[in-house]
Amino acid sequence: MGSSGLRDPEWTTDSVIEAEETITALLGSLDDTDCREILDATSEALSANEIAEVCNLPLSTTYRKLDLLTDAGLLEERTRVRQSGHHASEYSRIIEDITISLGACGELELEVSHCERSDRLTSSPRRTREERR
């Protein structure tokens, strides 16, 4: 995904991340209380409206945080198909665990454990904002 490599197609169930820019973005997302609440709420797929309600956040804040989390590769945006034809985006957490380690020379390293594919949504993923550009 994008220039920072936050969402690498080679990520499997477990990924080790050493790129400083990627680590900074992930830790920045996790440092935000609203983002952590959204990650907690999205163990199952929810729309932005549902997330705003569950997390007691203004909808505009919810959308900003969803963009941040999706761009960081922590959430996956999907399309909820409705018979009415009014489809909506829904979001689901795609990570299970993040472990922070220090390397031999003091460099940070993150190990990210992703949800098993069967635990995730079955509809096709939506592209991130950067991928749509």
N, C-alpha and C. Protein backbone atom coordinates (compact mmCIF):
# COMPACT_ATOMS: atom_id res chain seq x y z
N MET A 1 0.81 -1.17 0.00
CA MET A 1 0.00 0.00 0.00
C MET A 1 0.86 1.24 0.00
N GLY A 2 0.62 2.13 -0.87
CA GLY A 2 1.26 3.43 -0.89
C GLY A 2 2.76 3.38 -0.79
N SER A 3 3.34 4.53 -0.57
CA SER A 3 4.78 4.63 -0.56
C SER A 3 5.41 4.14 0.73
N SER A 4 4.67 4.09 1.81
CA SER A 4 5.28 3.70 3.08
C SER A 4 5.32 2.20 3.28
N GLY A 5 4.68 1.43 2.41
CA GLY A 5 4.73 -0.02 2.52
C GLY A 5 4.02 -0.57 3.72
N LEU A 6 3.00 0.12 4.22
CA LEU A 6 2.30 -0.34 5.41
C LEU A 6 1.47 -1.59 5.15
N ARG A 7 1.07 -1.77 3.94
CA ARG A 7 0.24 -2.91 3.61
C ARG A 7 0.92 -3.67 2.49
N ASP A 8 1.71 -4.63 2.86
CA ASP A 8 2.53 -5.37 1.92
C ASP A 8 1.78 -6.62 1.48
N PRO A 9 1.65 -6.87 0.17
CA PRO A 9 0.93 -8.06 -0.28
C PRO A 9 1.60 -9.35 0.16
N GLU A 10 2.85 -9.28 0.60
CA GLU A 10 3.53 -10.47 1.07
C GLU A 10 3.23 -10.77 2.53
N TRP A 11 2.51 -9.86 3.23
CA TRP A 11 2.15 -10.12 4.61
C TRP A 11 1.33 -11.39 4.65
N THR A 12 1.71 -12.29 5.50
CA THR A 12 0.95 -13.51 5.69
C THR A 12 0.35 -13.45 7.09
N THR A 13 0.17 -14.59 7.71
CA THR A 13 -0.39 -14.60 9.05
C THR A 13 0.51 -13.84 10.01
N ASP A 14 1.83 -14.00 9.88
CA ASP A 14 2.78 -13.27 10.71
C ASP A 14 3.75 -12.52 9.81
N SER A 15 4.04 -11.27 10.14
CA SER A 15 4.96 -10.46 9.37
C SER A 15 5.88 -9.72 10.32
N VAL A 16 7.15 -9.60 9.92
CA VAL A 16 8.09 -8.80 10.68
C VAL A 16 8.31 -7.50 9.92
N ILE A 17 8.17 -6.40 10.62
CA ILE A 17 8.30 -5.08 10.00
C ILE A 17 9.51 -4.39 10.61
N GLU A 18 10.43 -3.97 9.75
CA GLU A 18 11.64 -3.30 10.23
C GLU A 18 11.75 -1.87 9.71
N ALA A 19 10.98 -1.50 8.70
CA ALA A 19 11.06 -0.16 8.12
C ALA A 19 10.60 0.88 9.14
N GLU A 20 11.47 1.83 9.41
CA GLU A 20 11.20 2.83 10.45
C GLU A 20 9.91 3.62 10.18
N GLU A 21 9.68 3.99 8.93
CA GLU A 21 8.48 4.76 8.57
C GLU A 21 7.22 3.95 8.86
N THR A 22 7.25 2.68 8.56
CA THR A 22 6.11 1.81 8.79
C THR A 22 5.86 1.62 10.29
N ILE A 23 6.93 1.40 11.03
CA ILE A 23 6.81 1.23 12.48
C ILE A 23 6.24 2.50 13.12
N THR A 24 6.74 3.65 12.69
CA THR A 24 6.26 4.93 13.22
C THR A 24 4.77 5.11 12.96
N ALA A 25 4.32 4.78 11.75
CA ALA A 25 2.90 4.92 11.41
C ALA A 25 2.04 3.97 12.24
N LEU A 26 2.48 2.73 12.38
CA LEU A 26 1.70 1.76 13.16
C LEU A 26 1.63 2.17 14.63
N LEU A 27 2.77 2.56 15.20
CA LEU A 27 2.77 2.96 16.61
C LEU A 27 1.97 4.24 16.83
N GLY A 28 2.02 5.15 15.85
CA GLY A 28 1.22 6.36 15.94
C GLY A 28 -0.27 6.04 15.98
N SER A 29 -0.69 5.09 15.17
CA SER A 29 -2.09 4.67 15.16
C SER A 29 -2.48 4.06 16.50
N LEU A 30 -1.60 3.25 17.04
CA LEU A 30 -1.90 2.56 18.30
C LEU A 30 -1.82 3.49 19.50
N ASP A 31 -1.15 4.62 19.36
CA ASP A 31 -1.04 5.59 20.45
C ASP A 31 -2.33 6.40 20.63
N ASP A 32 -3.20 6.35 19.65
CA ASP A 32 -4.44 7.12 19.65
C ASP A 32 -5.56 6.32 20.33
N THR A 33 -6.14 6.89 21.39
CA THR A 33 -7.19 6.21 22.15
C THR A 33 -8.39 5.85 21.27
N ASP A 34 -8.83 6.76 20.41
CA ASP A 34 -9.97 6.48 19.53
C ASP A 34 -9.66 5.34 18.58
N CYS A 35 -8.44 5.31 18.05
CA CYS A 35 -8.05 4.22 17.15
C CYS A 35 -8.07 2.88 17.88
N ARG A 36 -7.59 2.86 19.10
CA ARG A 36 -7.60 1.61 19.87
C ARG A 36 -9.03 1.15 20.14
N GLU A 37 -9.93 2.09 20.43
CA GLU A 37 -11.34 1.73 20.64
C GLU A 37 -11.95 1.15 19.37
N ILE A 38 -11.61 1.75 18.24
CA ILE A 38 -12.13 1.26 16.95
C ILE A 38 -11.59 -0.14 16.68
N LEU A 39 -10.30 -0.37 16.93
CA LEU A 39 -9.73 -1.70 16.73
C LEU A 39 -10.42 -2.72 17.62
N ASP A 40 -10.71 -2.34 18.84
CA ASP A 40 -11.41 -3.24 19.75
C ASP A 40 -12.82 -3.57 19.25
N ALA A 41 -13.49 -2.57 18.69
CA ALA A 41 -14.88 -2.75 18.24
C ALA A 41 -14.99 -3.53 16.93
N THR A 42 -13.93 -3.58 16.15
CA THR A 42 -14.03 -4.15 14.81
C THR A 42 -13.52 -5.59 14.73
N SER A 43 -13.70 -6.34 15.79
CA SER A 43 -13.39 -7.77 15.71
C SER A 43 -14.38 -8.45 14.76
N GLU A 44 -15.51 -7.80 14.55
CA GLU A 44 -16.46 -8.21 13.50
C GLU A 44 -16.74 -6.97 12.65
N ALA A 45 -17.14 -7.19 11.43
CA ALA A 45 -17.32 -6.09 10.48
C ALA A 45 -18.44 -5.14 10.91
N LEU A 46 -18.12 -3.84 10.88
CA LEU A 46 -19.08 -2.80 11.22
C LEU A 46 -18.97 -1.67 10.21
N SER A 47 -20.09 -0.99 9.97
CA SER A 47 -20.07 0.20 9.13
C SER A 47 -19.53 1.38 9.95
N ALA A 48 -19.21 2.47 9.28
CA ALA A 48 -18.72 3.66 9.96
C ALA A 48 -19.76 4.17 10.96
N ASN A 49 -21.02 4.16 10.59
CA ASN A 49 -22.08 4.60 11.51
C ASN A 49 -22.13 3.71 12.74
N GLU A 50 -22.02 2.40 12.55
CA GLU A 50 -22.04 1.47 13.68
C GLU A 50 -20.83 1.69 14.59
N ILE A 51 -19.67 1.91 13.98
CA ILE A 51 -18.45 2.16 14.77
C ILE A 51 -18.59 3.45 15.57
N ALA A 52 -19.09 4.50 14.92
CA ALA A 52 -19.29 5.78 15.61
C ALA A 52 -20.20 5.60 16.83
N GLU A 53 -21.25 4.83 16.66
CA GLU A 53 -22.21 4.61 17.75
C GLU A 53 -21.57 3.77 18.87
N VAL A 54 -20.93 2.67 18.51
CA VAL A 54 -20.32 1.79 19.51
C VAL A 54 -19.22 2.50 20.29
N CYS A 55 -18.42 3.29 19.59
CA CYS A 55 -17.28 3.98 20.21
C CYS A 55 -17.62 5.36 20.75
N ASN A 56 -18.86 5.78 20.55
CA ASN A 56 -19.32 7.10 21.01
C ASN A 56 -18.42 8.22 20.46
N LEU A 57 -18.23 8.18 19.14
CA LEU A 57 -17.40 9.17 18.45
C LEU A 57 -18.24 9.93 17.43
N PRO A 58 -17.91 11.19 17.16
CA PRO A 58 -18.55 11.89 16.05
C PRO A 58 -18.22 11.16 14.74
N LEU A 59 -19.14 11.18 13.81
CA LEU A 59 -18.94 10.47 12.56
C LEU A 59 -17.72 11.00 11.79
N SER A 60 -17.50 12.32 11.82
CA SER A 60 -16.34 12.88 11.11
C SER A 60 -15.03 12.36 11.71
N THR A 61 -14.96 12.25 13.02
CA THR A 61 -13.78 11.70 13.68
C THR A 61 -13.62 10.23 13.32
N THR A 62 -14.73 9.52 13.31
CA THR A 62 -14.69 8.09 12.97
C THR A 62 -14.10 7.89 11.59
N TYR A 63 -14.54 8.66 10.60
CA TYR A 63 -14.00 8.50 9.25
C TYR A 63 -12.51 8.81 9.20
N ARG A 64 -12.05 9.84 9.91
CA ARG A 64 -10.62 10.16 9.93
C ARG A 64 -9.81 9.01 10.52
N LYS A 65 -10.31 8.45 11.61
CA LYS A 65 -9.60 7.35 12.27
C LYS A 65 -9.65 6.08 11.42
N LEU A 66 -10.77 5.84 10.75
CA LEU A 66 -10.86 4.68 9.86
C LEU A 66 -9.85 4.78 8.72
N ASP A 67 -9.71 5.98 8.15
CA ASP A 67 -8.70 6.18 7.10
C ASP A 67 -7.30 5.89 7.63
N LEU A 68 -7.00 6.40 8.82
CA LEU A 68 -5.69 6.19 9.43
C LEU A 68 -5.42 4.71 9.65
N LEU A 69 -6.38 4.00 10.22
CA LEU A 69 -6.22 2.58 10.51
C LEU A 69 -6.17 1.72 9.25
N THR A 70 -6.95 2.08 8.26
CA THR A 70 -6.94 1.35 6.99
C THR A 70 -5.60 1.57 6.28
N ASP A 71 -5.14 2.82 6.25
CA ASP A 71 -3.86 3.13 5.61
C ASP A 71 -2.70 2.45 6.33
N ALA A 72 -2.82 2.25 7.64
CA ALA A 72 -1.77 1.59 8.42
C ALA A 72 -1.82 0.08 8.27
N GLY A 73 -2.84 -0.44 7.59
CA GLY A 73 -2.95 -1.88 7.40
C GLY A 73 -3.49 -2.62 8.60
N LEU A 74 -4.17 -1.91 9.50
CA LEU A 74 -4.73 -2.54 10.69
C LEU A 74 -6.20 -2.90 10.52
N LEU A 75 -6.87 -2.21 9.63
CA LEU A 75 -8.27 -2.49 9.29
C LEU A 75 -8.37 -2.79 7.81
N GLU A 76 -9.39 -3.52 7.46
CA GLU A 76 -9.68 -3.79 6.06
C GLU A 76 -11.07 -3.22 5.75
N GLU A 77 -11.15 -2.46 4.69
CA GLU A 77 -12.43 -1.90 4.26
C GLU A 77 -13.02 -2.80 3.19
N ARG A 78 -14.26 -3.15 3.38
CA ARG A 78 -15.00 -4.01 2.43
C ARG A 78 -16.31 -3.33 2.06
N THR A 79 -16.95 -3.88 1.06
CA THR A 79 -18.26 -3.38 0.67
C THR A 79 -19.34 -4.31 1.20
N ARG A 80 -20.28 -3.75 1.93
CA ARG A 80 -21.45 -4.49 2.41
C ARG A 80 -22.51 -4.38 1.33
N VAL A 81 -22.78 -5.48 0.67
CA VAL A 81 -23.74 -5.49 -0.43
C VAL A 81 -25.14 -5.60 0.15
N ARG A 82 -26.01 -4.72 -0.31
CA ARG A 82 -27.40 -4.71 0.15
C ARG A 82 -28.32 -4.93 -1.04
N GLN A 83 -29.41 -5.59 -0.81
CA GLN A 83 -30.38 -5.83 -1.87
C GLN A 83 -30.95 -4.54 -2.42
N SER A 84 -31.01 -3.52 -1.59
CA SER A 84 -31.56 -2.24 -2.02
C SER A 84 -30.66 -1.55 -3.05
N GLY A 85 -29.42 -2.01 -3.17
CA GLY A 85 -28.48 -1.39 -4.08
C GLY A 85 -27.67 -0.28 -3.44
N HIS A 86 -28.01 0.10 -2.22
CA HIS A 86 -27.27 1.13 -1.49
C HIS A 86 -26.19 0.44 -0.66
N HIS A 87 -25.07 0.16 -1.30
CA HIS A 87 -23.99 -0.55 -0.64
C HIS A 87 -23.24 0.38 0.31
N ALA A 88 -22.67 -0.19 1.34
CA ALA A 88 -21.94 0.60 2.33
C ALA A 88 -20.60 -0.04 2.61
N SER A 89 -19.66 0.77 3.03
CA SER A 89 -18.36 0.24 3.46
C SER A 89 -18.51 -0.32 4.86
N GLU A 90 -17.77 -1.38 5.12
CA GLU A 90 -17.68 -1.91 6.47
C GLU A 90 -16.22 -2.22 6.74
N TYR A 91 -15.88 -2.21 8.00
CA TYR A 91 -14.49 -2.30 8.41
C TYR A 91 -14.30 -3.44 9.39
N SER A 92 -13.20 -4.15 9.23
CA SER A 92 -12.89 -5.26 10.11
C SER A 92 -11.40 -5.25 10.44
N ARG A 93 -11.10 -5.50 11.69
CA ARG A 93 -9.70 -5.57 12.13
C ARG A 93 -9.04 -6.77 11.46
N ILE A 94 -7.83 -6.59 10.94
CA ILE A 94 -7.14 -7.69 10.28
C ILE A 94 -5.88 -8.12 11.02
N ILE A 95 -5.66 -7.56 12.19
CA ILE A 95 -4.51 -7.96 12.99
C ILE A 95 -4.99 -8.55 14.31
N GLU A 96 -4.23 -9.50 14.80
CA GLU A 96 -4.54 -10.13 16.09
C GLU A 96 -3.61 -9.63 17.17
N ASP A 97 -2.34 -9.43 16.81
CA ASP A 97 -1.34 -9.14 17.82
C ASP A 97 -0.19 -8.38 17.18
N ILE A 98 0.43 -7.47 17.95
CA ILE A 98 1.63 -6.77 17.52
C ILE A 98 2.64 -6.87 18.65
N THR A 99 3.84 -7.36 18.33
CA THR A 99 4.91 -7.49 19.30
C THR A 99 6.05 -6.56 18.92
N ILE A 100 6.52 -5.76 19.86
CA ILE A 100 7.62 -4.83 19.63
C ILE A 100 8.89 -5.42 20.24
N SER A 101 9.97 -5.43 19.45
CA SER A 101 11.25 -5.96 19.91
C SER A 101 12.36 -4.97 19.57
N LEU A 102 13.45 -5.08 20.30
CA LEU A 102 14.66 -4.33 19.99
C LEU A 102 15.67 -5.29 19.39
N GLY A 103 16.25 -4.90 18.25
CA GLY A 103 17.27 -5.71 17.61
C GLY A 103 18.60 -5.59 18.34
N ALA A 104 19.60 -6.32 17.87
CA ALA A 104 20.92 -6.34 18.48
C ALA A 104 21.55 -4.95 18.55
N CYS A 105 21.26 -4.11 17.55
CA CYS A 105 21.83 -2.75 17.50
C CYS A 105 20.86 -1.71 18.05
N GLY A 106 19.78 -2.14 18.70
CA GLY A 106 18.83 -1.21 19.29
C GLY A 106 17.73 -0.74 18.36
N GLU A 107 17.67 -1.29 17.15
CA GLU A 107 16.63 -0.90 16.21
C GLU A 107 15.31 -1.59 16.57
N LEU A 108 14.21 -0.88 16.32
CA LEU A 108 12.88 -1.43 16.59
C LEU A 108 12.49 -2.42 15.51
N GLU A 109 11.76 -3.42 15.94
CA GLU A 109 11.21 -4.41 15.02
C GLU A 109 9.81 -4.77 15.52
N LEU A 110 8.85 -4.81 14.62
CA LEU A 110 7.49 -5.20 14.98
C LEU A 110 7.16 -6.52 14.32
N GLU A 111 6.53 -7.39 15.08
CA GLU A 111 5.98 -8.61 14.50
C GLU A 111 4.47 -8.48 14.56
N VAL A 112 3.83 -8.58 13.42
CA VAL A 112 2.40 -8.41 13.31
C VAL A 112 1.77 -9.76 12.99
N SER A 113 0.84 -10.19 13.83
CA SER A 113 0.09 -11.42 13.58
C SER A 113 -1.27 -11.02 13.02
N HIS A 114 -1.54 -11.46 11.82
CA HIS A 114 -2.80 -11.14 11.15
C HIS A 114 -3.85 -12.19 11.45
N CYS A 115 -5.11 -11.79 11.35
CA CYS A 115 -6.21 -12.72 11.49
C CYS A 115 -6.12 -13.75 10.37
N GLU A 116 -6.55 -14.94 10.67
CA GLU A 116 -6.63 -15.95 9.62
C GLU A 116 -7.61 -15.48 8.58
N ARG A 117 -7.36 -15.79 7.34
CA ARG A 117 -8.22 -15.36 6.23
C ARG A 117 -9.67 -15.79 6.48
N SER A 118 -9.90 -16.97 7.03
CA SER A 118 -11.27 -17.44 7.27
C SER A 118 -11.99 -16.60 8.32
N ASP A 119 -11.22 -15.91 9.19
CA ASP A 119 -11.82 -15.05 10.21
C ASP A 119 -12.24 -13.71 9.63
N ARG A 120 -11.73 -13.39 8.44
CA ARG A 120 -11.98 -12.10 7.84
C ARG A 120 -13.20 -12.18 6.94
N LEU A 121 -13.57 -11.04 6.44
CA LEU A 121 -14.75 -10.95 5.59
C LEU A 121 -14.54 -11.67 4.28
N THR A 122 -15.61 -12.12 3.65
CA THR A 122 -15.49 -12.86 2.42
C THR A 122 -15.72 -12.02 1.18
N SER A 123 -16.20 -10.81 1.33
CA SER A 123 -16.39 -9.95 0.16
C SER A 123 -15.04 -9.40 -0.28
N SER A 124 -15.00 -8.81 -1.46
CA SER A 124 -13.72 -8.33 -1.97
C SER A 124 -13.29 -7.06 -1.25
N PRO A 125 -11.97 -6.93 -1.00
CA PRO A 125 -11.50 -5.75 -0.28
C PRO A 125 -11.58 -4.52 -1.14
N ARG A 126 -11.79 -3.38 -0.48
CA ARG A 126 -11.76 -2.09 -1.17
C ARG A 126 -10.35 -1.59 -1.16
N ARG A 127 -10.03 -0.79 -2.11
CA ARG A 127 -8.69 -0.21 -2.17
C ARG A 127 -8.58 0.93 -1.17
N THR A 128 -7.36 1.18 -0.69
CA THR A 128 -7.14 2.30 0.21
C THR A 128 -7.16 3.57 -0.58
N ARG A 129 -7.19 4.70 0.13
CA ARG A 129 -7.21 6.00 -0.55
C ARG A 129 -6.03 6.16 -1.48
N GLU A 130 -4.82 5.76 -1.05
CA GLU A 130 -3.64 5.91 -1.90
C GLU A 130 -3.72 5.00 -3.12
N GLU A 131 -4.26 3.80 -2.96
CA GLU A 131 -4.37 2.88 -4.08
C GLU A 131 -5.37 3.38 -5.12
N ARG A 132 -6.34 4.19 -4.69
CA ARG A 132 -7.36 4.71 -5.62
C ARG A 132 -6.83 5.87 -6.43
N ARG A 133 -5.71 6.46 -6.01
CA ARG A 133 -5.15 7.63 -6.71
C ARG A 133 -4.46 7.24 -7.97
